[in-house]
Amino acid sequence: MPVFFSSLELSAQKLTKEKGFVSLFNGENLEGWIGNKSSYRAENGMIVIDPKGEGGGNLYTEKEYGDFNLRFEFQLTPGANNGLGIHTPLEGDAAYVGKEIQILDNTASKYDKLEVYQFHGSVYGVIPAEKGFLKPVGEWNQQEVIVKHPKIKIILNGTVILEGDYLEASKNGTLDHKDHPGLQRSQGHIGFLGHGDVVRFKNIRIKEL
């Protein structure tokens, strides 16, 4: 008897063959994730944040990670603002108690006065990313985040937009002139950090280093 696999099963099989990467999202529900499961939901093989004006909150992996290579795809809506939390605890502002990588439609007119450390891909408040490599709003972007504490490298749509050492970058103070105790953390949860806008994620997979 022939064996038939759903598209989600085939996708999961493909991802697990990606040189040691494992999927963080089963495509069907938020098993393995903790946090705001009212604003975030699983839909059509995607994690969708749809806060409906209620802020959004955060969705974290149950598991904590140290050094890793994370790959995922995301789709922005006009003016959308989200973030990728790394090495974060479950309480507090992830941008400071952990580290936040900006996920942002910085082409929106409301963001025409951003600080350099606020553009998409930046380590918020600490290391600015190169601009100009996001796809047009509504298209899917591919992003890779490689962390070997305290070094970080971010690749957006095939281009390295950030590469640096966040401890070295902050040794004489951070760009936003605020305390970032989370820079010292070498392990923690990975999360999506909502700011009240609709954003979609898919093909989320990780390889621990």
N, C-alpha and C. Protein backbone atom coordinates (compact mmCIF):
# COMPACT_ATOMS: atom_id res chain seq x y z
N MET A 1 0.86 -1.20 0.00
CA MET A 1 0.00 0.00 0.00
C MET A 1 0.89 1.25 0.00
N PRO A 2 0.67 2.19 -0.90
CA PRO A 2 1.50 3.41 -0.92
C PRO A 2 1.28 4.25 0.32
N VAL A 3 2.33 4.94 0.76
CA VAL A 3 2.26 5.80 1.93
C VAL A 3 2.21 7.25 1.45
N PHE A 4 1.22 7.98 1.91
CA PHE A 4 1.06 9.38 1.52
C PHE A 4 1.34 10.27 2.72
N PHE A 5 2.05 11.35 2.47
CA PHE A 5 2.39 12.30 3.53
C PHE A 5 1.73 13.64 3.24
N SER A 6 1.29 14.30 4.28
CA SER A 6 0.74 15.64 4.10
C SER A 6 1.88 16.59 3.77
N SER A 7 1.52 17.77 3.26
CA SER A 7 2.54 18.77 2.94
C SER A 7 3.31 19.19 4.18
N LEU A 8 2.63 19.22 5.35
CA LEU A 8 3.32 19.59 6.59
C LEU A 8 4.32 18.52 6.97
N GLU A 9 3.95 17.25 6.80
CA GLU A 9 4.87 16.16 7.12
C GLU A 9 6.07 16.18 6.20
N LEU A 10 5.84 16.43 4.91
CA LEU A 10 6.94 16.49 3.96
C LEU A 10 7.86 17.66 4.28
N SER A 11 7.27 18.79 4.67
CA SER A 11 8.06 19.95 5.03
C SER A 11 8.91 19.65 6.25
N ALA A 12 8.33 18.99 7.25
CA ALA A 12 9.07 18.64 8.47
C ALA A 12 10.22 17.70 8.15
N GLN A 13 9.96 16.73 7.24
CA GLN A 13 11.02 15.80 6.86
C GLN A 13 12.16 16.54 6.18
N LYS A 14 11.84 17.49 5.33
CA LYS A 14 12.86 18.26 4.63
C LYS A 14 13.71 19.04 5.61
N LEU A 15 13.07 19.66 6.59
CA LEU A 15 13.81 20.48 7.55
C LEU A 15 14.73 19.63 8.41
N THR A 16 14.29 18.44 8.81
CA THR A 16 15.13 17.60 9.67
C THR A 16 16.34 17.07 8.91
N LYS A 17 16.28 17.08 7.58
CA LYS A 17 17.42 16.63 6.78
C LYS A 17 18.43 17.76 6.55
N GLU A 18 18.14 18.94 7.07
CA GLU A 18 18.97 20.11 6.83
C GLU A 18 20.15 20.14 7.80
N LYS A 19 21.01 19.15 7.68
CA LYS A 19 22.27 19.07 8.44
C LYS A 19 22.09 19.32 9.93
N GLY A 20 21.25 18.53 10.55
CA GLY A 20 21.12 18.59 12.00
C GLY A 20 20.10 19.58 12.52
N PHE A 21 19.43 20.29 11.65
CA PHE A 21 18.39 21.22 12.09
C PHE A 21 17.14 20.46 12.50
N VAL A 22 16.48 20.96 13.53
CA VAL A 22 15.21 20.39 13.94
C VAL A 22 14.16 21.50 13.93
N SER A 23 12.94 21.14 13.63
CA SER A 23 11.87 22.12 13.55
C SER A 23 11.43 22.54 14.94
N LEU A 24 11.20 23.84 15.12
CA LEU A 24 10.67 24.36 16.39
C LEU A 24 9.16 24.49 16.35
N PHE A 25 8.58 24.27 15.19
CA PHE A 25 7.14 24.47 15.02
C PHE A 25 6.59 23.35 14.15
N ASN A 26 5.61 22.63 14.68
CA ASN A 26 5.09 21.46 13.98
C ASN A 26 4.10 21.81 12.87
N GLY A 27 3.80 23.10 12.71
CA GLY A 27 2.92 23.54 11.64
C GLY A 27 1.44 23.44 11.94
N GLU A 28 1.10 22.84 13.09
CA GLU A 28 -0.31 22.60 13.39
C GLU A 28 -0.80 23.23 14.68
N ASN A 29 0.08 23.32 15.67
CA ASN A 29 -0.31 23.93 16.95
C ASN A 29 0.93 24.49 17.63
N LEU A 30 0.75 25.08 18.80
CA LEU A 30 1.86 25.73 19.49
C LEU A 30 2.47 24.84 20.57
N GLU A 31 2.43 23.55 20.34
CA GLU A 31 3.11 22.63 21.24
C GLU A 31 4.60 22.93 21.23
N GLY A 32 5.20 23.01 22.42
CA GLY A 32 6.61 23.35 22.53
C GLY A 32 6.87 24.83 22.72
N TRP A 33 5.77 25.62 22.75
CA TRP A 33 5.88 27.05 22.95
C TRP A 33 5.08 27.46 24.18
N ILE A 34 5.53 28.52 24.84
CA ILE A 34 4.84 29.03 26.02
C ILE A 34 4.72 30.55 25.90
N GLY A 35 3.77 31.10 26.63
CA GLY A 35 3.57 32.54 26.59
C GLY A 35 2.19 32.89 26.08
N ASN A 36 2.09 33.94 25.29
CA ASN A 36 0.81 34.46 24.84
C ASN A 36 0.27 33.61 23.69
N LYS A 37 -0.64 32.72 24.00
CA LYS A 37 -1.23 31.87 22.98
C LYS A 37 -2.63 32.34 22.57
N SER A 38 -2.96 33.56 22.96
CA SER A 38 -4.21 34.14 22.49
C SER A 38 -3.94 35.05 21.29
N SER A 39 -2.86 35.84 21.36
CA SER A 39 -2.50 36.69 20.23
C SER A 39 -1.75 35.90 19.16
N TYR A 40 -0.98 34.90 19.58
CA TYR A 40 -0.27 34.05 18.63
C TYR A 40 -1.08 32.78 18.41
N ARG A 41 -1.11 32.32 17.15
CA ARG A 41 -1.83 31.09 16.85
C ARG A 41 -1.16 30.37 15.69
N ALA A 42 -1.42 29.09 15.60
CA ALA A 42 -0.96 28.30 14.46
C ALA A 42 -2.04 28.32 13.40
N GLU A 43 -1.63 28.61 12.15
CA GLU A 43 -2.61 28.73 11.08
C GLU A 43 -1.94 28.43 9.74
N ASN A 44 -2.43 27.40 9.05
CA ASN A 44 -1.95 27.08 7.71
C ASN A 44 -0.43 26.93 7.64
N GLY A 45 0.13 26.25 8.63
CA GLY A 45 1.56 26.01 8.64
C GLY A 45 2.39 27.20 9.08
N MET A 46 1.75 28.21 9.65
CA MET A 46 2.46 29.41 10.09
C MET A 46 2.14 29.70 11.56
N ILE A 47 3.06 30.42 12.22
CA ILE A 47 2.73 31.06 13.49
C ILE A 47 2.36 32.49 13.15
N VAL A 48 1.14 32.88 13.51
CA VAL A 48 0.63 34.21 13.17
C VAL A 48 0.38 34.96 14.47
N ILE A 49 0.90 36.18 14.54
CA ILE A 49 0.51 37.03 15.66
C ILE A 49 -0.51 38.01 15.12
N ASP A 50 -1.67 38.00 15.75
CA ASP A 50 -2.78 38.86 15.33
C ASP A 50 -3.40 39.45 16.60
N PRO A 51 -2.74 40.46 17.19
CA PRO A 51 -3.14 40.94 18.51
C PRO A 51 -4.43 41.74 18.56
N LYS A 52 -4.92 42.19 17.39
CA LYS A 52 -6.16 42.98 17.34
C LYS A 52 -6.13 44.15 18.31
N GLY A 53 -5.02 44.85 18.29
CA GLY A 53 -4.91 46.06 19.09
C GLY A 53 -4.65 45.84 20.57
N GLU A 54 -4.36 44.60 20.96
CA GLU A 54 -4.20 44.30 22.38
C GLU A 54 -2.73 44.22 22.80
N GLY A 55 -1.83 44.70 21.96
CA GLY A 55 -0.42 44.71 22.35
C GLY A 55 0.36 43.59 21.71
N GLY A 56 0.04 42.36 22.06
CA GLY A 56 0.70 41.23 21.40
C GLY A 56 1.43 40.30 22.32
N GLY A 57 2.27 40.85 23.19
CA GLY A 57 2.99 39.98 24.11
C GLY A 57 4.00 39.09 23.41
N ASN A 58 4.52 38.12 24.17
CA ASN A 58 5.62 37.30 23.69
C ASN A 58 5.26 35.82 23.67
N LEU A 59 5.88 35.12 22.73
CA LEU A 59 5.73 33.67 22.62
C LEU A 59 7.13 33.08 22.64
N TYR A 60 7.39 32.18 23.61
CA TYR A 60 8.74 31.65 23.81
C TYR A 60 8.79 30.14 23.59
N THR A 61 9.98 29.67 23.22
CA THR A 61 10.21 28.23 23.21
C THR A 61 10.21 27.73 24.65
N GLU A 62 9.65 26.54 24.87
CA GLU A 62 9.74 25.95 26.20
C GLU A 62 11.19 25.69 26.58
N LYS A 63 11.96 25.26 25.61
CA LYS A 63 13.36 24.90 25.85
C LYS A 63 14.24 26.13 25.82
N GLU A 64 15.33 26.08 26.58
CA GLU A 64 16.34 27.13 26.54
C GLU A 64 17.48 26.71 25.62
N TYR A 65 18.10 27.69 24.98
CA TYR A 65 19.18 27.43 24.03
C TYR A 65 20.38 28.31 24.35
N GLY A 66 21.57 27.78 24.08
CA GLY A 66 22.81 28.54 24.26
C GLY A 66 23.32 29.02 22.92
N ASP A 67 24.31 28.32 22.36
CA ASP A 67 24.80 28.64 21.03
C ASP A 67 23.95 27.89 20.00
N PHE A 68 23.60 28.57 18.92
CA PHE A 68 22.69 27.94 17.96
C PHE A 68 22.74 28.64 16.61
N ASN A 69 22.19 27.95 15.64
CA ASN A 69 21.91 28.51 14.31
C ASN A 69 20.41 28.39 14.11
N LEU A 70 19.73 29.52 14.03
CA LEU A 70 18.28 29.56 13.88
C LEU A 70 17.94 30.06 12.48
N ARG A 71 17.06 29.34 11.80
CA ARG A 71 16.59 29.77 10.48
C ARG A 71 15.08 29.85 10.49
N PHE A 72 14.55 30.88 9.87
CA PHE A 72 13.10 31.02 9.81
C PHE A 72 12.73 31.96 8.67
N GLU A 73 11.46 31.96 8.33
CA GLU A 73 10.93 32.90 7.34
C GLU A 73 9.88 33.77 8.01
N PHE A 74 9.77 35.00 7.57
CA PHE A 74 8.77 35.90 8.16
C PHE A 74 8.18 36.79 7.09
N GLN A 75 6.93 37.17 7.34
CA GLN A 75 6.20 38.06 6.42
C GLN A 75 5.68 39.24 7.22
N LEU A 76 6.09 40.43 6.83
CA LEU A 76 5.64 41.65 7.51
C LEU A 76 4.38 42.20 6.87
N THR A 77 3.60 42.91 7.66
CA THR A 77 2.50 43.72 7.16
C THR A 77 2.94 45.18 7.26
N PRO A 78 2.30 46.11 6.57
CA PRO A 78 2.76 47.50 6.57
C PRO A 78 2.94 48.08 7.97
N GLY A 79 4.15 48.57 8.23
CA GLY A 79 4.46 49.20 9.51
C GLY A 79 4.65 48.24 10.67
N ALA A 80 4.72 46.94 10.39
CA ALA A 80 4.77 45.93 11.46
C ALA A 80 6.06 46.02 12.27
N ASN A 81 5.92 45.73 13.55
CA ASN A 81 7.03 45.74 14.50
C ASN A 81 6.94 44.49 15.35
N ASN A 82 8.00 43.69 15.35
CA ASN A 82 8.09 42.50 16.19
C ASN A 82 9.55 42.38 16.60
N GLY A 83 9.92 41.28 17.18
CA GLY A 83 11.31 41.10 17.55
C GLY A 83 11.59 39.63 17.79
N LEU A 84 12.87 39.27 17.70
CA LEU A 84 13.31 37.93 18.03
C LEU A 84 14.10 38.01 19.32
N GLY A 85 13.58 37.40 20.37
CA GLY A 85 14.29 37.37 21.63
C GLY A 85 15.23 36.18 21.69
N ILE A 86 16.43 36.38 22.17
CA ILE A 86 17.37 35.28 22.36
C ILE A 86 17.97 35.37 23.76
N HIS A 87 18.29 34.20 24.31
CA HIS A 87 18.89 34.10 25.66
C HIS A 87 18.02 34.81 26.71
N THR A 88 16.72 34.76 26.54
CA THR A 88 15.86 35.52 27.42
C THR A 88 15.29 34.67 28.56
N PRO A 89 15.10 35.28 29.74
CA PRO A 89 14.27 34.65 30.76
C PRO A 89 12.81 34.86 30.39
N LEU A 90 11.90 34.35 31.19
CA LEU A 90 10.48 34.46 30.86
C LEU A 90 9.84 35.73 31.42
N GLU A 91 10.56 36.43 32.26
CA GLU A 91 10.03 37.66 32.85
C GLU A 91 10.94 38.83 32.49
N GLY A 92 10.35 40.00 32.38
CA GLY A 92 11.10 41.21 32.10
C GLY A 92 11.10 41.54 30.61
N ASP A 93 11.66 42.70 30.28
CA ASP A 93 11.72 43.17 28.89
C ASP A 93 12.87 42.46 28.20
N ALA A 94 12.54 41.63 27.22
CA ALA A 94 13.54 40.78 26.58
C ALA A 94 14.67 41.57 25.95
N ALA A 95 14.40 42.80 25.53
CA ALA A 95 15.44 43.61 24.90
C ALA A 95 16.57 43.95 25.86
N TYR A 96 16.30 43.85 27.16
CA TYR A 96 17.29 44.22 28.17
C TYR A 96 17.70 43.04 29.04
N VAL A 97 16.74 42.22 29.45
CA VAL A 97 17.09 41.06 30.30
C VAL A 97 17.60 39.90 29.45
N GLY A 98 17.36 39.97 28.16
CA GLY A 98 17.94 39.04 27.19
C GLY A 98 18.54 39.89 26.09
N LYS A 99 18.30 39.50 24.85
CA LYS A 99 18.70 40.31 23.70
C LYS A 99 17.57 40.27 22.67
N GLU A 100 17.30 41.39 22.03
CA GLU A 100 16.25 41.44 21.03
C GLU A 100 16.84 41.78 19.67
N ILE A 101 16.51 40.96 18.67
CA ILE A 101 16.86 41.24 17.29
C ILE A 101 15.62 41.86 16.64
N GLN A 102 15.77 43.04 16.09
CA GLN A 102 14.63 43.75 15.52
C GLN A 102 14.02 43.00 14.33
N ILE A 103 12.70 42.93 14.31
CA ILE A 103 11.93 42.48 13.16
C ILE A 103 10.97 43.61 12.85
N LEU A 104 11.21 44.33 11.75
CA LEU A 104 10.55 45.62 11.59
C LEU A 104 10.43 46.02 10.12
N ASP A 105 9.27 46.54 9.76
CA ASP A 105 9.11 47.17 8.45
C ASP A 105 9.64 48.59 8.56
N ASN A 106 10.96 48.74 8.46
CA ASN A 106 11.52 50.08 8.64
C ASN A 106 11.40 50.95 7.39
N THR A 107 10.60 50.48 6.39
CA THR A 107 10.29 51.33 5.24
C THR A 107 9.06 52.20 5.50
N ALA A 108 8.34 51.92 6.57
CA ALA A 108 7.12 52.67 6.88
C ALA A 108 7.46 54.12 7.26
N SER A 109 6.64 55.04 6.82
CA SER A 109 6.90 56.47 7.06
C SER A 109 6.94 56.80 8.55
N LYS A 110 6.20 56.03 9.36
CA LYS A 110 6.19 56.33 10.79
C LYS A 110 7.52 56.03 11.45
N TYR A 111 8.39 55.30 10.73
CA TYR A 111 9.71 54.96 11.27
C TYR A 111 10.82 55.77 10.60
N ASP A 112 10.51 56.95 10.07
CA ASP A 112 11.53 57.69 9.32
C ASP A 112 12.56 58.38 10.21
N LYS A 113 12.40 58.27 11.53
CA LYS A 113 13.37 58.86 12.43
C LYS A 113 13.96 57.83 13.39
N LEU A 114 14.15 56.62 12.89
CA LEU A 114 14.71 55.56 13.72
C LEU A 114 16.16 55.84 14.09
N GLU A 115 16.55 55.35 15.26
CA GLU A 115 17.96 55.32 15.61
C GLU A 115 18.62 54.18 14.83
N VAL A 116 19.94 54.23 14.67
CA VAL A 116 20.62 53.22 13.86
C VAL A 116 20.44 51.81 14.42
N TYR A 117 20.25 51.70 15.74
CA TYR A 117 20.13 50.39 16.38
C TYR A 117 18.69 49.87 16.39
N GLN A 118 17.79 50.57 15.68
CA GLN A 118 16.39 50.15 15.66
C GLN A 118 15.96 49.53 14.33
N PHE A 119 16.83 49.57 13.32
CA PHE A 119 16.46 49.01 12.03
C PHE A 119 16.43 47.49 12.08
N HIS A 120 15.70 46.92 11.12
CA HIS A 120 15.55 45.46 11.08
C HIS A 120 16.90 44.76 11.16
N GLY A 121 16.94 43.73 12.01
CA GLY A 121 18.13 42.90 12.15
C GLY A 121 19.11 43.39 13.20
N SER A 122 18.92 44.59 13.71
CA SER A 122 19.83 45.12 14.72
C SER A 122 19.67 44.39 16.05
N VAL A 123 20.77 44.27 16.80
CA VAL A 123 20.67 43.87 18.20
C VAL A 123 20.24 45.13 18.93
N TYR A 124 19.00 45.16 19.36
CA TYR A 124 18.38 46.40 19.82
C TYR A 124 19.23 47.12 20.87
N GLY A 125 19.53 48.37 20.58
CA GLY A 125 20.27 49.20 21.52
C GLY A 125 21.76 48.99 21.53
N VAL A 126 22.25 48.00 20.75
CA VAL A 126 23.65 47.60 20.91
C VAL A 126 24.43 47.58 19.59
N ILE A 127 23.96 46.83 18.59
CA ILE A 127 24.68 46.72 17.32
C ILE A 127 23.71 47.00 16.17
N PRO A 128 24.02 47.98 15.32
CA PRO A 128 23.14 48.28 14.18
C PRO A 128 23.35 47.29 13.04
N ALA A 129 22.30 47.04 12.29
CA ALA A 129 22.37 46.16 11.13
C ALA A 129 22.41 46.99 9.84
N GLU A 130 22.91 46.38 8.79
CA GLU A 130 22.87 47.01 7.47
C GLU A 130 21.42 47.10 6.99
N LYS A 131 21.10 48.18 6.31
CA LYS A 131 19.74 48.41 5.83
C LYS A 131 19.64 48.09 4.34
N GLY A 132 18.40 47.85 3.88
CA GLY A 132 18.15 47.75 2.46
C GLY A 132 18.02 46.34 1.92
N PHE A 133 17.90 45.34 2.78
CA PHE A 133 17.86 43.97 2.30
C PHE A 133 16.55 43.24 2.60
N LEU A 134 15.58 43.96 3.16
CA LEU A 134 14.25 43.39 3.32
C LEU A 134 13.55 43.32 1.97
N LYS A 135 12.76 42.28 1.77
CA LYS A 135 11.93 42.21 0.57
C LYS A 135 10.73 43.15 0.75
N PRO A 136 10.06 43.52 -0.33
CA PRO A 136 8.89 44.38 -0.21
C PRO A 136 7.87 43.80 0.76
N VAL A 137 7.19 44.67 1.50
CA VAL A 137 6.21 44.23 2.49
C VAL A 137 5.19 43.30 1.84
N GLY A 138 4.93 42.19 2.52
CA GLY A 138 4.00 41.20 2.01
C GLY A 138 4.69 39.99 1.41
N GLU A 139 5.98 40.14 1.04
CA GLU A 139 6.75 39.00 0.56
C GLU A 139 7.43 38.31 1.74
N TRP A 140 7.78 37.05 1.53
CA TRP A 140 8.44 36.28 2.59
C TRP A 140 9.95 36.54 2.58
N ASN A 141 10.49 36.79 3.76
CA ASN A 141 11.92 36.97 3.97
C ASN A 141 12.50 35.74 4.65
N GLN A 142 13.75 35.42 4.32
CA GLN A 142 14.46 34.33 4.97
C GLN A 142 15.55 34.92 5.86
N GLN A 143 15.59 34.48 7.10
CA GLN A 143 16.59 35.01 8.03
C GLN A 143 17.30 33.88 8.76
N GLU A 144 18.58 34.09 9.01
CA GLU A 144 19.40 33.14 9.75
C GLU A 144 20.12 33.89 10.85
N VAL A 145 20.06 33.37 12.07
CA VAL A 145 20.71 33.99 13.21
C VAL A 145 21.66 32.96 13.82
N ILE A 146 22.95 33.26 13.79
CA ILE A 146 23.97 32.35 14.31
C ILE A 146 24.57 32.99 15.56
N VAL A 147 24.44 32.30 16.69
CA VAL A 147 24.92 32.83 17.96
C VAL A 147 25.95 31.88 18.56
N LYS A 148 27.14 32.42 18.79
CA LYS A 148 28.19 31.74 19.55
C LYS A 148 28.67 32.75 20.57
N HIS A 149 28.00 32.76 21.71
CA HIS A 149 28.20 33.80 22.73
C HIS A 149 29.68 34.12 22.91
N PRO A 150 30.04 35.43 22.82
CA PRO A 150 29.19 36.61 22.64
C PRO A 150 29.11 37.10 21.18
N LYS A 151 29.40 36.22 20.24
CA LYS A 151 29.39 36.63 18.83
C LYS A 151 28.05 36.30 18.18
N ILE A 152 27.65 37.15 17.25
CA ILE A 152 26.37 36.96 16.57
C ILE A 152 26.51 37.36 15.10
N LYS A 153 25.85 36.62 14.26
CA LYS A 153 25.84 36.88 12.82
C LYS A 153 24.42 36.73 12.32
N ILE A 154 23.97 37.68 11.53
CA ILE A 154 22.60 37.66 11.01
C ILE A 154 22.63 37.78 9.50
N ILE A 155 21.96 36.84 8.84
CA ILE A 155 21.90 36.80 7.39
C ILE A 155 20.45 36.98 6.97
N LEU A 156 20.18 37.98 6.16
CA LEU A 156 18.82 38.27 5.69
C LEU A 156 18.78 38.11 4.18
N ASN A 157 17.94 37.18 3.72
CA ASN A 157 17.78 36.95 2.29
C ASN A 157 19.12 36.76 1.59
N GLY A 158 20.02 36.05 2.25
CA GLY A 158 21.30 35.70 1.66
C GLY A 158 22.42 36.69 1.88
N THR A 159 22.14 37.83 2.52
CA THR A 159 23.15 38.85 2.75
C THR A 159 23.44 39.00 4.24
N VAL A 160 24.71 39.03 4.62
CA VAL A 160 25.07 39.27 6.02
C VAL A 160 24.78 40.73 6.33
N ILE A 161 23.84 40.96 7.25
CA ILE A 161 23.49 42.34 7.60
C ILE A 161 24.05 42.75 8.96
N LEU A 162 24.54 41.78 9.72
CA LEU A 162 25.14 42.09 11.02
C LEU A 162 26.10 40.99 11.40
N GLU A 163 27.26 41.38 11.89
CA GLU A 163 28.22 40.43 12.43
C GLU A 163 29.04 41.15 13.48
N GLY A 164 29.01 40.65 14.69
CA GLY A 164 29.72 41.35 15.74
C GLY A 164 29.76 40.58 17.04
N ASP A 165 30.30 41.25 18.06
CA ASP A 165 30.45 40.72 19.42
C ASP A 165 29.71 41.70 20.32
N TYR A 166 28.58 41.27 20.90
CA TYR A 166 27.76 42.22 21.64
C TYR A 166 28.39 42.66 22.96
N LEU A 167 29.28 41.86 23.52
CA LEU A 167 29.98 42.30 24.73
C LEU A 167 31.05 43.33 24.37
N GLU A 168 31.77 43.07 23.31
CA GLU A 168 32.78 44.03 22.85
C GLU A 168 32.11 45.34 22.43
N ALA A 169 30.97 45.24 21.73
CA ALA A 169 30.29 46.43 21.24
C ALA A 169 29.76 47.31 22.36
N SER A 170 29.53 46.72 23.52
CA SER A 170 28.93 47.46 24.63
C SER A 170 29.91 47.76 25.76
N LYS A 171 31.18 47.46 25.57
CA LYS A 171 32.13 47.60 26.69
C LYS A 171 32.30 49.04 27.15
N ASN A 172 32.08 49.99 26.24
CA ASN A 172 32.16 51.40 26.61
C ASN A 172 30.79 52.05 26.69
N GLY A 173 29.75 51.21 26.83
CA GLY A 173 28.38 51.69 26.90
C GLY A 173 27.60 51.30 25.65
N THR A 174 26.30 51.15 25.81
CA THR A 174 25.45 50.75 24.69
C THR A 174 25.03 51.97 23.88
N LEU A 175 24.59 51.72 22.66
CA LEU A 175 24.17 52.82 21.78
C LEU A 175 22.95 53.55 22.32
N ASP A 176 22.07 52.83 23.03
CA ASP A 176 20.89 53.49 23.58
C ASP A 176 21.10 54.01 24.99
N HIS A 177 22.33 53.87 25.48
CA HIS A 177 22.71 54.41 26.80
C HIS A 177 21.87 53.81 27.94
N LYS A 178 21.43 52.57 27.74
CA LYS A 178 20.67 51.88 28.79
C LYS A 178 21.41 50.62 29.22
N ASP A 179 21.04 50.12 30.39
CA ASP A 179 21.64 48.89 30.89
C ASP A 179 21.05 47.69 30.16
N HIS A 180 21.91 46.79 29.73
CA HIS A 180 21.49 45.57 29.05
C HIS A 180 22.14 44.37 29.76
N PRO A 181 21.67 44.04 30.97
CA PRO A 181 22.29 42.91 31.69
C PRO A 181 22.18 41.60 30.92
N GLY A 182 21.20 41.50 30.02
CA GLY A 182 21.02 40.27 29.25
C GLY A 182 22.16 39.98 28.29
N LEU A 183 23.01 40.97 28.02
CA LEU A 183 24.16 40.73 27.14
C LEU A 183 25.11 39.71 27.74
N GLN A 184 25.09 39.58 29.06
CA GLN A 184 25.96 38.62 29.73
C GLN A 184 25.41 37.20 29.68
N ARG A 185 24.14 37.07 29.38
CA ARG A 185 23.52 35.74 29.37
C ARG A 185 23.97 34.94 28.16
N SER A 186 24.28 33.68 28.39
CA SER A 186 24.72 32.81 27.30
C SER A 186 23.71 31.70 27.02
N GLN A 187 22.57 31.76 27.69
CA GLN A 187 21.53 30.75 27.48
C GLN A 187 20.18 31.33 27.87
N GLY A 188 19.14 30.82 27.23
CA GLY A 188 17.80 31.27 27.57
C GLY A 188 16.81 30.86 26.50
N HIS A 189 15.62 31.39 26.61
CA HIS A 189 14.55 31.07 25.67
C HIS A 189 14.71 31.88 24.38
N ILE A 190 14.14 31.36 23.31
CA ILE A 190 14.01 32.09 22.05
C ILE A 190 12.55 32.49 21.93
N GLY A 191 12.28 33.70 21.50
CA GLY A 191 10.89 34.12 21.45
C GLY A 191 10.60 35.14 20.37
N PHE A 192 9.33 35.24 20.03
CA PHE A 192 8.84 36.31 19.18
C PHE A 192 8.20 37.36 20.07
N LEU A 193 8.57 38.61 19.86
CA LEU A 193 8.22 39.69 20.77
C LEU A 193 7.26 40.64 20.08
N GLY A 194 5.99 40.53 20.41
CA GLY A 194 4.96 41.30 19.71
C GLY A 194 4.86 42.74 20.16
N HIS A 195 4.53 43.60 19.19
CA HIS A 195 4.34 45.02 19.48
C HIS A 195 3.03 45.54 18.90
N GLY A 196 2.05 44.63 18.77
CA GLY A 196 0.72 45.06 18.35
C GLY A 196 0.43 44.96 16.87
N ASP A 197 1.31 44.30 16.10
CA ASP A 197 1.13 44.25 14.65
C ASP A 197 1.06 42.80 14.17
N VAL A 198 0.42 42.61 13.01
CA VAL A 198 0.31 41.28 12.42
C VAL A 198 1.62 40.92 11.71
N VAL A 199 2.20 39.78 12.11
CA VAL A 199 3.40 39.25 11.48
C VAL A 199 3.24 37.73 11.41
N ARG A 200 3.77 37.13 10.35
CA ARG A 200 3.65 35.68 10.16
C ARG A 200 5.04 35.05 10.09
N PHE A 201 5.16 33.85 10.67
CA PHE A 201 6.42 33.13 10.68
C PHE A 201 6.19 31.69 10.21
N LYS A 202 7.19 31.13 9.54
CA LYS A 202 7.09 29.73 9.14
C LYS A 202 8.50 29.15 8.98
N ASN A 203 8.54 27.81 8.79
CA ASN A 203 9.80 27.10 8.57
C ASN A 203 10.84 27.48 9.64
N ILE A 204 10.45 27.40 10.89
CA ILE A 204 11.31 27.78 12.00
C ILE A 204 12.09 26.54 12.44
N ARG A 205 13.39 26.58 12.28
CA ARG A 205 14.20 25.41 12.63
C ARG A 205 15.51 25.86 13.26
N ILE A 206 16.11 24.96 14.04
CA ILE A 206 17.30 25.33 14.82
C ILE A 206 18.30 24.18 14.84
N LYS A 207 19.54 24.56 14.92
CA LYS A 207 20.63 23.60 15.10
C LYS A 207 21.46 24.09 16.28
N GLU A 208 21.56 23.29 17.31
CA GLU A 208 22.37 23.68 18.46
C GLU A 208 23.85 23.47 18.14
N LEU A 209 24.66 24.43 18.56
CA LEU A 209 26.10 24.42 18.25
C LEU A 209 26.93 24.10 19.48
